Amino acid sequence: MISIGERLRGLRESIEISQAKLAKLCEATPSTINRYEHNHSEVPYKILIWYADYFDVSLDYILGRTDKPEGKLYKHQPNVLKIKIAQNDDFKDFIEACFDPRLP
C-alpha cells in the first residue's frame, strides 16, 4: 500500500513544483513538507484537506485507500433507511425517485 508521504510527493511532483514553493502555498515550511513526504511526521487534517482541495483529489486517494484520484464511490444505505423503506411504500417510491441513476 502506498504511504501518505509517497502520495503527497507524487502530487507535488506531478505539477513540478518544489517543496519550498508548495510550503509557501500551504503556509508551512519546506522542512515540514519534507517530513510529510518522507513519513517522518504525521500530516495534520488541515493540511490533508488542503492537499485534497489544491490537487482536486479525494482524501481516500491521499490516504492510499484507492488509486483513483476521484476516490471511491460508495452505495451506502443505512439499515434504518432500509427498514423505513420496507415499512412504507410511498417513502420507497420517493427515495427511488430521488436517487434514480437514470435521471440527470
PDB file of N, CA and C in Angstrom:
ATOM      1  N   MET A   1       0.849  -1.187   0.000  1.00  0.00           N
ATOM      2  CA  MET A   1       0.000   0.000   0.000  1.00  0.00           C
ATOM      3  C   MET A   1       0.888   1.241   0.000  1.00  0.00           C
ATOM      4  N   ILE A   2       0.509   2.197  -0.807  1.00  0.00           N
ATOM      5  CA  ILE A   2       1.278   3.427  -0.909  1.00  0.00           C
ATOM      6  C   ILE A   2       1.108   4.259   0.354  1.00  0.00           C
ATOM      7  N   SER A   3       2.176   4.916   0.783  1.00  0.00           N
ATOM      8  CA  SER A   3       2.104   5.720   2.004  1.00  0.00           C
ATOM      9  C   SER A   3       1.575   7.116   1.683  1.00  0.00           C
ATOM     10  N   ILE A   4       1.119   7.785   2.727  1.00  0.00           N
ATOM     11  CA  ILE A   4       0.623   9.154   2.567  1.00  0.00           C
ATOM     12  C   ILE A   4       1.740  10.043   2.027  1.00  0.00           C
ATOM     13  N   GLY A   5       2.930   9.884   2.568  1.00  0.00           N
ATOM     14  CA  GLY A   5       4.061  10.690   2.116  1.00  0.00           C
ATOM     15  C   GLY A   5       4.355  10.500   0.639  1.00  0.00           C
ATOM     16  N   GLU A   6       4.325   9.248   0.186  1.00  0.00           N
ATOM     17  CA  GLU A   6       4.550   8.975  -1.233  1.00  0.00           C
ATOM     18  C   GLU A   6       3.484   9.628  -2.087  1.00  0.00           C
ATOM     19  N   ARG A   7       2.248   9.574  -1.627  1.00  0.00           N
ATOM     20  CA  ARG A   7       1.149  10.177  -2.380  1.00  0.00           C
ATOM     21  C   ARG A   7       1.320  11.696  -2.428  1.00  0.00           C
ATOM     22  N   LEU A   8       1.675  12.312  -1.295  1.00  0.00           N
ATOM     23  CA  LEU A   8       1.867  13.760  -1.268  1.00  0.00           C
ATOM     24  C   LEU A   8       3.010  14.178  -2.184  1.00  0.00           C
ATOM     25  N   ARG A   9       4.111  13.438  -2.139  1.00  0.00           N
ATOM     26  CA  ARG A   9       5.251  13.742  -3.009  1.00  0.00           C
ATOM     27  C   ARG A   9       4.846  13.588  -4.478  1.00  0.00           C
ATOM     28  N   GLY A  10       4.101  12.526  -4.789  1.00  0.00           N
ATOM     29  CA  GLY A  10       3.657  12.318  -6.161  1.00  0.00           C
ATOM     30  C   GLY A  10       2.777  13.443  -6.665  1.00  0.00           C
ATOM     31  N   LEU A  11       1.888  13.918  -5.816  1.00  0.00           N
ATOM     32  CA  LEU A  11       1.028  15.045  -6.207  1.00  0.00           C
ATOM     33  C   LEU A  11       1.869  16.289  -6.484  1.00  0.00           C
ATOM     34  N   ARG A  12       2.804  16.583  -5.604  1.00  0.00           N
ATOM     35  CA  ARG A  12       3.656  17.765  -5.780  1.00  0.00           C
ATOM     36  C   ARG A  12       4.478  17.646  -7.055  1.00  0.00           C
ATOM     37  N   GLU A  13       5.085  16.480  -7.249  1.00  0.00           N
ATOM     38  CA  GLU A  13       5.930  16.286  -8.424  1.00  0.00           C
ATOM     39  C   GLU A  13       5.118  16.287  -9.714  1.00  0.00           C
ATOM     40  N   SER A  14       3.838  15.934  -9.639  1.00  0.00           N
ATOM     41  CA  SER A  14       3.005  15.900 -10.846  1.00  0.00           C
ATOM     42  C   SER A  14       2.825  17.289 -11.455  1.00  0.00           C
ATOM     43  N   ILE A  15       2.975  18.334 -10.636  1.00  0.00           N
ATOM     44  CA  ILE A  15       2.876  19.691 -11.174  1.00  0.00           C
ATOM     45  C   ILE A  15       4.232  20.398 -11.163  1.00  0.00           C
ATOM     46  N   GLU A  16       5.272  19.617 -10.883  1.00  0.00           N
ATOM     47  CA  GLU A  16       6.656  20.085 -10.978  1.00  0.00           C
ATOM     48  C   GLU A  16       6.931  21.358 -10.188  1.00  0.00           C
ATOM     49  N   ILE A  17       6.568  21.335  -8.900  1.00  0.00           N
ATOM     50  CA  ILE A  17       6.947  22.458  -8.039  1.00  0.00           C
ATOM     51  C   ILE A  17       7.801  21.932  -6.898  1.00  0.00           C
ATOM     52  N   SER A  18       8.582  22.815  -6.352  1.00  0.00           N
ATOM     53  CA  SER A  18       9.494  22.446  -5.271  1.00  0.00           C
ATOM     54  C   SER A  18       8.765  22.349  -3.938  1.00  0.00           C
ATOM     55  N   GLN A  19       9.421  21.718  -2.999  1.00  0.00           N
ATOM     56  CA  GLN A  19       8.871  21.669  -1.639  1.00  0.00           C
ATOM     57  C   GLN A  19       8.742  23.081  -1.083  1.00  0.00           C
ATOM     58  N   ALA A  20       9.699  23.946  -1.398  1.00  0.00           N
ATOM     59  CA  ALA A  20       9.674  25.323  -0.890  1.00  0.00           C
ATOM     60  C   ALA A  20       8.457  26.081  -1.420  1.00  0.00           C
ATOM     61  N   LYS A  21       8.176  25.938  -2.710  1.00  0.00           N
ATOM     62  CA  LYS A  21       7.021  26.641  -3.283  1.00  0.00           C
ATOM     63  C   LYS A  21       5.712  26.090  -2.720  1.00  0.00           C
ATOM     64  N   LEU A  22       5.618  24.776  -2.607  1.00  0.00           N
ATOM     65  CA  LEU A  22       4.410  24.182  -2.035  1.00  0.00           C
ATOM     66  C   LEU A  22       4.232  24.632  -0.585  1.00  0.00           C
ATOM     67  N   ALA A  23       5.324  24.693   0.152  1.00  0.00           N
ATOM     68  CA  ALA A  23       5.265  25.124   1.550  1.00  0.00           C
ATOM     69  C   ALA A  23       4.675  26.528   1.663  1.00  0.00           C
ATOM     70  N   LYS A  24       5.091  27.431   0.770  1.00  0.00           N
ATOM     71  CA  LYS A  24       4.530  28.787   0.786  1.00  0.00           C
ATOM     72  C   LYS A  24       3.030  28.761   0.510  1.00  0.00           C
ATOM     73  N   LEU A  25       2.620  27.919  -0.438  1.00  0.00           N
ATOM     74  CA  LEU A  25       1.211  27.855  -0.799  1.00  0.00           C
ATOM     75  C   LEU A  25       0.329  27.371   0.348  1.00  0.00           C
ATOM     76  N   CYS A  26       0.837  26.405   1.114  1.00  0.00           N
ATOM     77  CA  CYS A  26       0.000  25.843   2.192  1.00  0.00           C
ATOM     78  C   CYS A  26       0.407  26.366   3.569  1.00  0.00           C
ATOM     79  N   GLU A  27       1.212  27.419   3.573  1.00  0.00           N
ATOM     80  CA  GLU A  27       1.629  28.087   4.808  1.00  0.00           C
ATOM     81  C   GLU A  27       2.335  27.144   5.774  1.00  0.00           C
ATOM     82  N   ALA A  28       3.311  26.425   5.221  1.00  0.00           N
ATOM     83  CA  ALA A  28       4.154  25.526   6.023  1.00  0.00           C
ATOM     84  C   ALA A  28       5.605  25.870   5.702  1.00  0.00           C
ATOM     85  N   THR A  29       6.519  25.112   6.262  1.00  0.00           N
ATOM     86  CA  THR A  29       7.930  25.306   5.947  1.00  0.00           C
ATOM     87  C   THR A  29       8.386  24.177   5.024  1.00  0.00           C
ATOM     88  N   PRO A  30       9.433  24.421   4.235  1.00  0.00           N
ATOM     89  CA  PRO A  30       9.934  23.355   3.366  1.00  0.00           C
ATOM     90  C   PRO A  30      10.349  22.102   4.152  1.00  0.00           C
ATOM     91  N   SER A  31      10.909  22.289   5.333  1.00  0.00           N
ATOM     92  CA  SER A  31      11.311  21.121   6.123  1.00  0.00           C
ATOM     93  C   SER A  31      10.090  20.330   6.596  1.00  0.00           C
ATOM     94  N   THR A  32       8.993  21.019   6.855  1.00  0.00           N
ATOM     95  CA  THR A  32       7.762  20.331   7.247  1.00  0.00           C
ATOM     96  C   THR A  32       7.239  19.486   6.082  1.00  0.00           C
ATOM     97  N   ILE A  33       7.230  20.051   4.883  1.00  0.00           N
ATOM     98  CA  ILE A  33       6.790  19.314   3.694  1.00  0.00           C
ATOM     99  C   ILE A  33       7.690  18.099   3.494  1.00  0.00           C
ATOM    100  N   ASN A  34       8.986  18.268   3.677  1.00  0.00           N
ATOM    101  CA  ASN A  34       9.936  17.164   3.550  1.00  0.00           C
ATOM    102  C   ASN A  34       9.631  16.059   4.560  1.00  0.00           C
ATOM    103  N   ARG A  35       9.326  16.432   5.792  1.00  0.00           N
ATOM    104  CA  ARG A  35       8.987  15.424   6.812  1.00  0.00           C
ATOM    105  C   ARG A  35       7.706  14.681   6.452  1.00  0.00           C
ATOM    106  N   TYR A  36       6.717  15.399   5.923  1.00  0.00           N
ATOM    107  CA  TYR A  36       5.476  14.740   5.496  1.00  0.00           C
ATOM    108  C   TYR A  36       5.760  13.742   4.379  1.00  0.00           C
ATOM    109  N   GLU A  37       6.528  14.178   3.385  1.00  0.00           N
ATOM    110  CA  GLU A  37       6.785  13.336   2.214  1.00  0.00           C
ATOM    111  C   GLU A  37       7.639  12.110   2.532  1.00  0.00           C
ATOM    112  N   HIS A  38       8.412  12.178   3.597  1.00  0.00           N
ATOM    113  CA  HIS A  38       9.251  11.041   3.993  1.00  0.00           C
ATOM    114  C   HIS A  38       8.673  10.282   5.185  1.00  0.00           C
ATOM    115  N   ASN A  39       7.423  10.575   5.508  1.00  0.00           N
ATOM    116  CA  ASN A  39       6.703   9.891   6.591  1.00  0.00           C
ATOM    117  C   ASN A  39       7.418  10.007   7.936  1.00  0.00           C
ATOM    118  N   HIS A  40       8.091  11.128   8.157  1.00  0.00           N
ATOM    119  CA  HIS A  40       8.753  11.369   9.439  1.00  0.00           C
ATOM    120  C   HIS A  40       7.881  12.169  10.386  1.00  0.00           C
ATOM    121  N   SER A  41       6.738  12.624   9.876  1.00  0.00           N
ATOM    122  CA  SER A  41       5.848  13.447  10.672  1.00  0.00           C
ATOM    123  C   SER A  41       4.408  13.168  10.246  1.00  0.00           C
ATOM    124  N   GLU A  42       3.501  13.150  11.227  1.00  0.00           N
ATOM    125  CA  GLU A  42       2.075  12.997  10.927  1.00  0.00           C
ATOM    126  C   GLU A  42       1.575  14.258  10.225  1.00  0.00           C
ATOM    127  N   VAL A  43       0.752  14.074   9.223  1.00  0.00           N
ATOM    128  CA  VAL A  43       0.198  15.209   8.491  1.00  0.00           C
ATOM    129  C   VAL A  43      -1.124  15.607   9.149  1.00  0.00           C
ATOM    130  N   PRO A  44      -1.235  16.862   9.594  1.00  0.00           N
ATOM    131  CA  PRO A  44      -2.494  17.303  10.215  1.00  0.00           C
ATOM    132  C   PRO A  44      -3.657  17.261   9.222  1.00  0.00           C
ATOM    133  N   TYR A  45      -4.855  17.060   9.748  1.00  0.00           N
ATOM    134  CA  TYR A  45      -6.050  17.005   8.907  1.00  0.00           C
ATOM    135  C   TYR A  45      -6.184  18.248   8.039  1.00  0.00           C
ATOM    136  N   LYS A  46      -5.878  19.397   8.616  1.00  0.00           N
ATOM    137  CA  LYS A  46      -5.990  20.658   7.884  1.00  0.00           C
ATOM    138  C   LYS A  46      -5.130  20.625   6.617  1.00  0.00           C
ATOM    139  N   ILE A  47      -3.945  20.081   6.719  1.00  0.00           N
ATOM    140  CA  ILE A  47      -3.040  20.005   5.569  1.00  0.00           C
ATOM    141  C   ILE A  47      -3.530  18.954   4.573  1.00  0.00           C
ATOM    142  N   LEU A  48      -4.011  17.812   5.071  1.00  0.00           N
ATOM    143  CA  LEU A  48      -4.543  16.785   4.167  1.00  0.00           C
ATOM    144  C   LEU A  48      -5.708  17.342   3.351  1.00  0.00           C
ATOM    145  N   ILE A  49      -6.576  18.085   4.000  1.00  0.00           N
ATOM    146  CA  ILE A  49      -7.711  18.694   3.305  1.00  0.00           C
ATOM    147  C   ILE A  49      -7.225  19.729   2.299  1.00  0.00           C
ATOM    148  N   TRP A  50      -6.201  20.498   2.684  1.00  0.00           N
ATOM    149  CA  TRP A  50      -5.642  21.483   1.759  1.00  0.00           C
ATOM    150  C   TRP A  50      -5.123  20.780   0.499  1.00  0.00           C
ATOM    151  N   TYR A  51      -4.356  19.699   0.673  1.00  0.00           N
ATOM    152  CA  TYR A  51      -3.847  18.941  -0.473  1.00  0.00           C
ATOM    153  C   TYR A  51      -5.004  18.461  -1.352  1.00  0.00           C
ATOM    154  N   ALA A  52      -6.028  17.888  -0.746  1.00  0.00           N
ATOM    155  CA  ALA A  52      -7.165  17.369  -1.495  1.00  0.00           C
ATOM    156  C   ALA A  52      -7.825  18.478  -2.316  1.00  0.00           C
ATOM    157  N   ASP A  53      -8.013  19.625  -1.706  1.00  0.00           N
ATOM    158  CA  ASP A  53      -8.624  20.746  -2.416  1.00  0.00           C
ATOM    159  C   ASP A  53      -7.700  21.296  -3.502  1.00  0.00           C
ATOM    160  N   TYR A  54      -6.438  21.500  -3.171  1.00  0.00           N
ATOM    161  CA  TYR A  54      -5.494  22.100  -4.112  1.00  0.00           C
ATOM    162  C   TYR A  54      -5.282  21.217  -5.344  1.00  0.00           C
ATOM    163  N   PHE A  55      -5.126  19.912  -5.119  1.00  0.00           N
ATOM    164  CA  PHE A  55      -4.865  18.994  -6.228  1.00  0.00           C
ATOM    165  C   PHE A  55      -6.148  18.368  -6.793  1.00  0.00           C
ATOM    166  N   ASP A  56      -7.281  18.723  -6.227  1.00  0.00           N
ATOM    167  CA  ASP A  56      -8.583  18.231  -6.662  1.00  0.00           C
ATOM    168  C   ASP A  56      -8.629  16.705  -6.691  1.00  0.00           C
ATOM    169  N   VAL A  57      -8.246  16.120  -5.555  1.00  0.00           N
ATOM    170  CA  VAL A  57      -8.299  14.667  -5.382  1.00  0.00           C
ATOM    171  C   VAL A  57      -9.046  14.374  -4.083  1.00  0.00           C
ATOM    172  N   SER A  58      -9.426  13.123  -3.906  1.00  0.00           N
ATOM    173  CA  SER A  58     -10.136  12.747  -2.690  1.00  0.00           C
ATOM    174  C   SER A  58      -9.156  12.420  -1.566  1.00  0.00           C
ATOM    175  N   LEU A  59      -9.645  12.484  -0.354  1.00  0.00           N
ATOM    176  CA  LEU A  59      -8.828  12.057   0.783  1.00  0.00           C
ATOM    177  C   LEU A  59      -8.569  10.555   0.727  1.00  0.00           C
ATOM    178  N   ASP A  60      -9.500   9.782   0.201  1.00  0.00           N
ATOM    179  CA  ASP A  60      -9.268   8.347   0.009  1.00  0.00           C
ATOM    180  C   ASP A  60      -8.014   8.134  -0.840  1.00  0.00           C
ATOM    181  N   TYR A  61      -7.854   8.933  -1.870  1.00  0.00           N
ATOM    182  CA  TYR A  61      -6.677   8.835  -2.738  1.00  0.00           C
ATOM    183  C   TYR A  61      -5.403   9.187  -1.967  1.00  0.00           C
ATOM    184  N   ILE A  62      -5.429  10.292  -1.254  1.00  0.00           N
ATOM    185  CA  ILE A  62      -4.254  10.712  -0.481  1.00  0.00           C
ATOM    186  C   ILE A  62      -3.892   9.669   0.567  1.00  0.00           C
ATOM    187  N   LEU A  63      -4.890   9.092   1.218  1.00  0.00           N
ATOM    188  CA  LEU A  63      -4.648   8.109   2.270  1.00  0.00           C
ATOM    189  C   LEU A  63      -4.288   6.727   1.728  1.00  0.00           C
ATOM    190  N   GLY A  64      -4.299   6.581   0.405  1.00  0.00           N
ATOM    191  CA  GLY A  64      -3.914   5.320  -0.200  1.00  0.00           C
ATOM    192  C   GLY A  64      -5.001   4.259  -0.188  1.00  0.00           C
ATOM    193  N   ARG A  65      -6.234   4.656   0.056  1.00  0.00           N
ATOM    194  CA  ARG A  65      -7.344   3.696   0.085  1.00  0.00           C
ATOM    195  C   ARG A  65      -7.807   3.333  -1.314  1.00  0.00           C
ATOM    196  N   THR A  66      -7.437   4.149  -2.301  1.00  0.00           N
ATOM    197  CA  THR A  66      -7.782   3.891  -3.696  1.00  0.00           C
ATOM    198  C   THR A  66      -6.713   4.514  -4.577  1.00  0.00           C
ATOM    199  N   ASP A  67      -6.593   4.006  -5.780  1.00  0.00           N
ATOM    200  CA  ASP A  67      -5.672   4.604  -6.748  1.00  0.00           C
ATOM    201  C   ASP A  67      -6.391   5.546  -7.699  1.00  0.00           C
ATOM    202  N   LYS A  68      -7.681   5.742  -7.458  1.00  0.00           N
ATOM    203  CA  LYS A  68      -8.463   6.669  -8.269  1.00  0.00           C
ATOM    204  C   LYS A  68      -8.445   8.042  -7.603  1.00  0.00           C
ATOM    205  N   PRO A  69      -7.936   9.067  -8.285  1.00  0.00           N
ATOM    206  CA  PRO A  69      -7.910  10.407  -7.668  1.00  0.00           C
ATOM    207  C   PRO A  69      -9.284  10.905  -7.237  1.00  0.00           C
ATOM    208  N   GLU A  70     -10.338  10.471  -7.935  1.00  0.00           N
ATOM    209  CA  GLU A  70     -11.684  10.925  -7.562  1.00  0.00           C
ATOM    210  C   GLU A  70     -12.212  10.186  -6.345  1.00  0.00           C
ATOM    211  N   GLY A  71     -11.510   9.162  -5.904  1.00  0.00           N
ATOM    212  CA  GLY A  71     -11.905   8.429  -4.705  1.00  0.00           C
ATOM    213  C   GLY A  71     -12.845   7.287  -5.008  1.00  0.00           C
ATOM    214  N   LYS A  72     -13.271   6.642  -3.947  1.00  0.00           N
ATOM    215  CA  LYS A  72     -14.231   5.551  -4.073  1.00  0.00           C
ATOM    216  C   LYS A  72     -15.634   6.138  -4.066  1.00  0.00           C
ATOM    217  N   LEU A  73     -16.499   5.540  -4.818  1.00  0.00           N
ATOM    218  CA  LEU A  73     -17.894   5.953  -4.808  1.00  0.00           C
ATOM    219  C   LEU A  73     -18.685   4.843  -4.143  1.00  0.00           C
ATOM    220  N   TYR A  74     -19.282   5.171  -3.026  1.00  0.00           N
ATOM    221  CA  TYR A  74     -19.981   4.180  -2.223  1.00  0.00           C
ATOM    222  C   TYR A  74     -21.475   4.201  -2.503  1.00  0.00           C
ATOM    223  N   LYS A  75     -22.080   3.051  -2.395  1.00  0.00           N
ATOM    224  CA  LYS A  75     -23.528   2.929  -2.485  1.00  0.00           C
ATOM    225  C   LYS A  75     -24.033   2.543  -1.102  1.00  0.00           C
ATOM    226  N   HIS A  76     -23.822   3.453  -0.175  1.00  0.00           N
ATOM    227  CA  HIS A  76     -24.173   3.193   1.221  1.00  0.00           C
ATOM    228  C   HIS A  76     -25.655   3.436   1.447  1.00  0.00           C
ATOM    229  N   GLN A  77     -26.272   2.515   2.154  1.00  0.00           N
ATOM    230  CA  GLN A  77     -27.675   2.667   2.527  1.00  0.00           C
ATOM    231  C   GLN A  77     -27.803   2.204   3.977  1.00  0.00           C
ATOM    232  N   PRO A  78     -27.943   3.140   4.904  1.00  0.00           N
ATOM    233  CA  PRO A  78     -28.037   2.777   6.319  1.00  0.00           C
ATOM    234  C   PRO A  78     -29.181   1.804   6.592  1.00  0.00           C
ATOM    235  N   ASN A  79     -28.996   0.920   7.560  1.00  0.00           N
ATOM    236  CA  ASN A  79     -30.025  -0.059   7.915  1.00  0.00           C
ATOM    237  C   ASN A  79     -31.344   0.601   8.283  1.00  0.00           C
ATOM    238  N   VAL A  80     -31.302   1.726   8.985  1.00  0.00           N
ATOM    239  CA  VAL A  80     -32.527   2.402   9.387  1.00  0.00           C
ATOM    240  C   VAL A  80     -33.319   2.841   8.149  1.00  0.00           C
ATOM    241  N   LEU A  81     -32.618   3.228   7.095  1.00  0.00           N
ATOM    242  CA  LEU A  81     -33.292   3.625   5.862  1.00  0.00           C
ATOM    243  C   LEU A  81     -33.911   2.405   5.180  1.00  0.00           C
ATOM    244  N   LYS A  82     -33.216   1.281   5.195  1.00  0.00           N
ATOM    245  CA  LYS A  82     -33.761   0.044   4.615  1.00  0.00           C
ATOM    246  C   LYS A  82     -35.051  -0.363   5.324  1.00  0.00           C
ATOM    247  N   ILE A  83     -35.067  -0.257   6.640  1.00  0.00           N
ATOM    248  CA  ILE A  83     -36.255  -0.612   7.423  1.00  0.00           C
ATOM    249  C   ILE A  83     -37.411   0.333   7.085  1.00  0.00           C
ATOM    250  N   LYS A  84     -37.109   1.632   7.026  1.00  0.00           N
ATOM    251  CA  LYS A  84     -38.132   2.633   6.718  1.00  0.00           C
ATOM    252  C   LYS A  84     -38.725   2.389   5.332  1.00  0.00           C
ATOM    253  N   ILE A  85     -37.877   2.079   4.378  1.00  0.00           N
ATOM    254  CA  ILE A  85     -38.350   1.798   3.024  1.00  0.00           C
ATOM    255  C   ILE A  85     -39.245   0.568   3.008  1.00  0.00           C
ATOM    256  N   ALA A  86     -38.832  -0.467   3.710  1.00  0.00           N
ATOM    257  CA  ALA A  86     -39.618  -1.704   3.752  1.00  0.00           C
ATOM    258  C   ALA A  86     -40.987  -1.474   4.382  1.00  0.00           C
ATOM    259  N   GLN A  87     -41.078  -0.540   5.328  1.00  0.00           N
ATOM    260  CA  GLN A  87     -42.325  -0.289   6.036  1.00  0.00           C
ATOM    261  C   GLN A  87     -43.253   0.657   5.293  1.00  0.00           C
ATOM    262  N   ASN A  88     -42.746   1.404   4.345  1.00  0.00           N
ATOM    263  CA  ASN A  88     -43.548   2.456   3.745  1.00  0.00           C
ATOM    264  C   ASN A  88     -43.314   2.517   2.234  1.00  0.00           C
ATOM    265  N   ASP A  89     -44.287   2.049   1.466  1.00  0.00           N
ATOM    266  CA  ASP A  89     -44.147   2.032   0.011  1.00  0.00           C
ATOM    267  C   ASP A  89     -44.044   3.441  -0.578  1.00  0.00           C
ATOM    268  N   ASP A  90     -44.766   4.421  -0.004  1.00  0.00           N
ATOM    269  CA  ASP A  90     -44.675   5.795  -0.508  1.00  0.00           C
ATOM    270  C   ASP A  90     -43.262   6.338  -0.329  1.00  0.00           C
ATOM    271  N   PHE A  91     -42.682   6.049   0.831  1.00  0.00           N
ATOM    272  CA  PHE A  91     -41.322   6.501   1.107  1.00  0.00           C
ATOM    273  C   PHE A  91     -40.348   5.824   0.143  1.00  0.00           C
ATOM    274  N   LYS A  92     -40.589   4.555  -0.137  1.00  0.00           N
ATOM    275  CA  LYS A  92     -39.740   3.806  -1.068  1.00  0.00           C
ATOM    276  C   LYS A  92     -39.783   4.466  -2.444  1.00  0.00           C
ATOM    277  N   ASP A  93     -40.970   4.814  -2.913  1.00  0.00           N
ATOM    278  CA  ASP A  93     -41.109   5.464  -4.219  1.00  0.00           C
ATOM    279  C   ASP A  93     -40.378   6.811  -4.235  1.00  0.00           C
ATOM    280  N   PHE A  94     -40.490   7.555  -3.140  1.00  0.00           N
ATOM    281  CA  PHE A  94     -39.820   8.849  -3.037  1.00  0.00           C
ATOM    282  C   PHE A  94     -38.302   8.687  -3.104  1.00  0.00           C
ATOM    283  N   ILE A  95     -37.764   7.758  -2.337  1.00  0.00           N
ATOM    284  CA  ILE A  95     -36.311   7.520  -2.323  1.00  0.00           C
ATOM    285  C   ILE A  95     -35.830   7.077  -3.700  1.00  0.00           C
ATOM    286  N   GLU A  96     -36.551   6.183  -4.322  1.00  0.00           N
ATOM    287  CA  GLU A  96     -36.152   5.706  -5.648  1.00  0.00           C
ATOM    288  C   GLU A  96     -36.168   6.847  -6.663  1.00  0.00           C
ATOM    289  N   ALA A  97     -37.138   7.750  -6.558  1.00  0.00           N
ATOM    290  CA  ALA A  97     -37.205   8.887  -7.469  1.00  0.00           C
ATOM    291  C   ALA A  97     -36.035   9.847  -7.242  1.00  0.00           C
ATOM    292  N   CYS A  98     -35.661  10.024  -5.995  1.00  0.00           N
ATOM    293  CA  CYS A  98     -34.556  10.934  -5.662  1.00  0.00           C
ATOM    294  C   CYS A  98     -33.213  10.410  -6.138  1.00  0.00           C
ATOM    295  N   PHE A  99     -33.022   9.113  -6.099  1.00  0.00           N
ATOM    296  CA  PHE A  99     -31.718   8.531  -6.383  1.00  0.00           C
ATOM    297  C   PHE A  99     -31.714   7.680  -7.646  1.00  0.00           C
ATOM    298  N   ASP A 100     -32.611   7.961  -8.546  1.00  0.00           N
ATOM    299  CA  ASP A 100     -32.677   7.217  -9.805  1.00  0.00           C
ATOM    300  C   ASP A 100     -31.448   7.565 -10.642  1.00  0.00           C
ATOM    301  N   PRO A 101     -30.564   6.616 -10.921  1.00  0.00           N
ATOM    302  CA  PRO A 101     -29.337   6.911 -11.661  1.00  0.00           C
ATOM    303  C   PRO A 101     -29.598   7.306 -13.116  1.00  0.00           C
ATOM    304  N   ARG A 102     -30.783   7.073 -13.610  1.00  0.00           N
ATOM    305  CA  ARG A 102     -31.102   7.436 -14.992  1.00  0.00           C
ATOM    306  C   ARG A 102     -31.463   8.905 -15.121  1.00  0.00           C
ATOM    307  N   LEU A 103     -31.768   9.561 -14.002  1.00  0.00           N
ATOM    308  CA  LEU A 103     -32.141  10.982 -14.046  1.00  0.00           C
ATOM    309  C   LEU A 103     -30.880  11.837 -14.013  1.00  0.00           C
ATOM    310  N   PRO A 104     -30.921  13.005 -14.622  1.00  0.00           N
ATOM    311  CA  PRO A 104     -29.736  13.891 -14.628  1.00  0.00           C
ATOM    312  C   PRO A 104     -29.443  14.470 -13.269  1.00  0.00           C
TER     313      PRO A 104
END
